[in-house]
Amino acid sequence: MQQLRVAGRDVPDELLAHISPAHSENVNFFGVITVDVEAELAKLDGGGWRPLRPATAAVM
């Protein structure tokens, strides 16, 4: 957070109290999710569909 403050961003301490120290690298503290669009598009078949997941055993 110090880096953001040095860059001139207003980061209130009240906000920091609600942020977990654990985070994923694809989600930043401002709620922006980055997605590798090219990798996701490469998963599509020729018709533009994603493959189905394999069937699992029926839940009892």
C-alpha atoms as a PDB file:
ATOM      1  CA  MET A   1       0.000   0.000   0.000  1.00  0.00           C
ATOM      2  CA  GLN A   2       2.908   2.307   0.663  1.00  0.00           C
ATOM      3  CA  GLN A   3       3.809   2.142  -3.032  1.00  0.00           C
ATOM      4  CA  LEU A   4       0.302   3.354  -3.947  1.00  0.00           C
ATOM      5  CA  ARG A   5       0.514   6.187  -1.452  1.00  0.00           C
ATOM      6  CA  VAL A   6       3.923   7.262  -2.799  1.00  0.00           C
ATOM      7  CA  ALA A   7       2.375   7.286  -6.283  1.00  0.00           C
ATOM      8  CA  GLY A   8      -0.247   9.753  -5.006  1.00  0.00           C
ATOM      9  CA  ARG A   9      -3.159   7.342  -4.506  1.00  0.00           C
ATOM     10  CA  ASP A  10      -5.438   7.924  -1.521  1.00  0.00           C
ATOM     11  CA  VAL A  11      -5.526   4.643   0.425  1.00  0.00           C
ATOM     12  CA  PRO A  12      -7.498   5.139   3.648  1.00  0.00           C
ATOM     13  CA  ASP A  13      -6.511   3.037   6.668  1.00  0.00           C
ATOM     14  CA  GLU A  14     -10.216   2.242   7.150  1.00  0.00           C
ATOM     15  CA  LEU A  15     -10.192   0.474   3.775  1.00  0.00           C
ATOM     16  CA  LEU A  16      -7.067  -1.504   4.619  1.00  0.00           C
ATOM     17  CA  ALA A  17      -8.793  -2.943   7.681  1.00  0.00           C
ATOM     18  CA  HIS A  18     -11.111  -4.871   5.312  1.00  0.00           C
ATOM     19  CA  ILE A  19      -8.462  -6.254   2.942  1.00  0.00           C
ATOM     20  CA  SER A  20      -7.016  -9.688   3.501  1.00  0.00           C
ATOM     21  CA  PRO A  21      -3.248 -10.009   3.190  1.00  0.00           C
ATOM     22  CA  ALA A  22      -3.794 -13.115   1.033  1.00  0.00           C
ATOM     23  CA  HIS A  23      -4.657 -12.404  -2.567  1.00  0.00           C
ATOM     24  CA  SER A  24      -4.361 -13.929  -5.990  1.00  0.00           C
ATOM     25  CA  GLU A  25      -2.029 -12.380  -8.507  1.00  0.00           C
ATOM     26  CA  ASN A  26      -4.878 -11.983 -11.008  1.00  0.00           C
ATOM     27  CA  VAL A  27      -6.969  -9.805  -8.650  1.00  0.00           C
ATOM     28  CA  ASN A  28      -5.708  -6.456  -7.468  1.00  0.00           C
ATOM     29  CA  PHE A  29      -6.952  -4.436  -4.520  1.00  0.00           C
ATOM     30  CA  PHE A  30      -9.208  -2.331  -6.726  1.00  0.00           C
ATOM     31  CA  GLY A  31     -11.336  -5.275  -7.895  1.00  0.00           C
ATOM     32  CA  VAL A  32      -9.938  -5.600 -11.407  1.00  0.00           C
ATOM     33  CA  ILE A  33      -9.643  -9.157 -12.642  1.00  0.00           C
ATOM     34  CA  THR A  34      -7.124  -9.834 -15.369  1.00  0.00           C
ATOM     35  CA  VAL A  35      -7.801 -12.696 -17.744  1.00  0.00           C
ATOM     36  CA  ASP A  36      -5.540 -14.119 -20.431  1.00  0.00           C
ATOM     37  CA  VAL A  37      -8.111 -13.762 -23.208  1.00  0.00           C
ATOM     38  CA  GLU A  38      -5.906 -15.378 -25.842  1.00  0.00           C
ATOM     39  CA  ALA A  39      -5.413 -18.492 -23.672  1.00  0.00           C
ATOM     40  CA  GLU A  40      -9.149 -18.737 -23.011  1.00  0.00           C
ATOM     41  CA  LEU A  41      -9.979 -18.356 -26.698  1.00  0.00           C
ATOM     42  CA  ALA A  42      -7.440 -21.061 -27.551  1.00  0.00           C
ATOM     43  CA  LYS A  43      -9.502 -23.522 -25.464  1.00  0.00           C
ATOM     44  CA  LEU A  44     -12.530 -23.129 -27.746  1.00  0.00           C
ATOM     45  CA  ASP A  45     -13.288 -25.632 -30.474  1.00  0.00           C
ATOM     46  CA  GLY A  46     -13.960 -24.688 -34.094  1.00  0.00           C
ATOM     47  CA  GLY A  47     -17.574 -23.796 -33.298  1.00  0.00           C
ATOM     48  CA  GLY A  48     -16.618 -21.456 -30.454  1.00  0.00           C
ATOM     49  CA  TRP A  49     -17.630 -23.853 -27.674  1.00  0.00           C
ATOM     50  CA  ARG A  50     -15.653 -24.921 -24.635  1.00  0.00           C
ATOM     51  CA  PRO A  51     -15.248 -28.679 -24.209  1.00  0.00           C
ATOM     52  CA  LEU A  52     -17.556 -30.353 -21.719  1.00  0.00           C
ATOM     53  CA  ARG A  53     -16.132 -31.459 -18.426  1.00  0.00           C
ATOM     54  CA  PRO A  54     -15.896 -35.227 -17.981  1.00  0.00           C
ATOM     55  CA  ALA A  55     -18.956 -36.841 -16.410  1.00  0.00           C
ATOM     56  CA  THR A  56     -18.640 -37.770 -12.747  1.00  0.00           C
ATOM     57  CA  ALA A  57     -20.394 -40.467 -10.745  1.00  0.00           C
ATOM     58  CA  ALA A  58     -23.962 -39.637  -9.804  1.00  0.00           C
ATOM     59  CA  VAL A  59     -24.418 -38.026  -6.405  1.00  0.00           C
ATOM     60  CA  MET A  60     -26.558 -40.128  -4.097  1.00  0.00           C
END
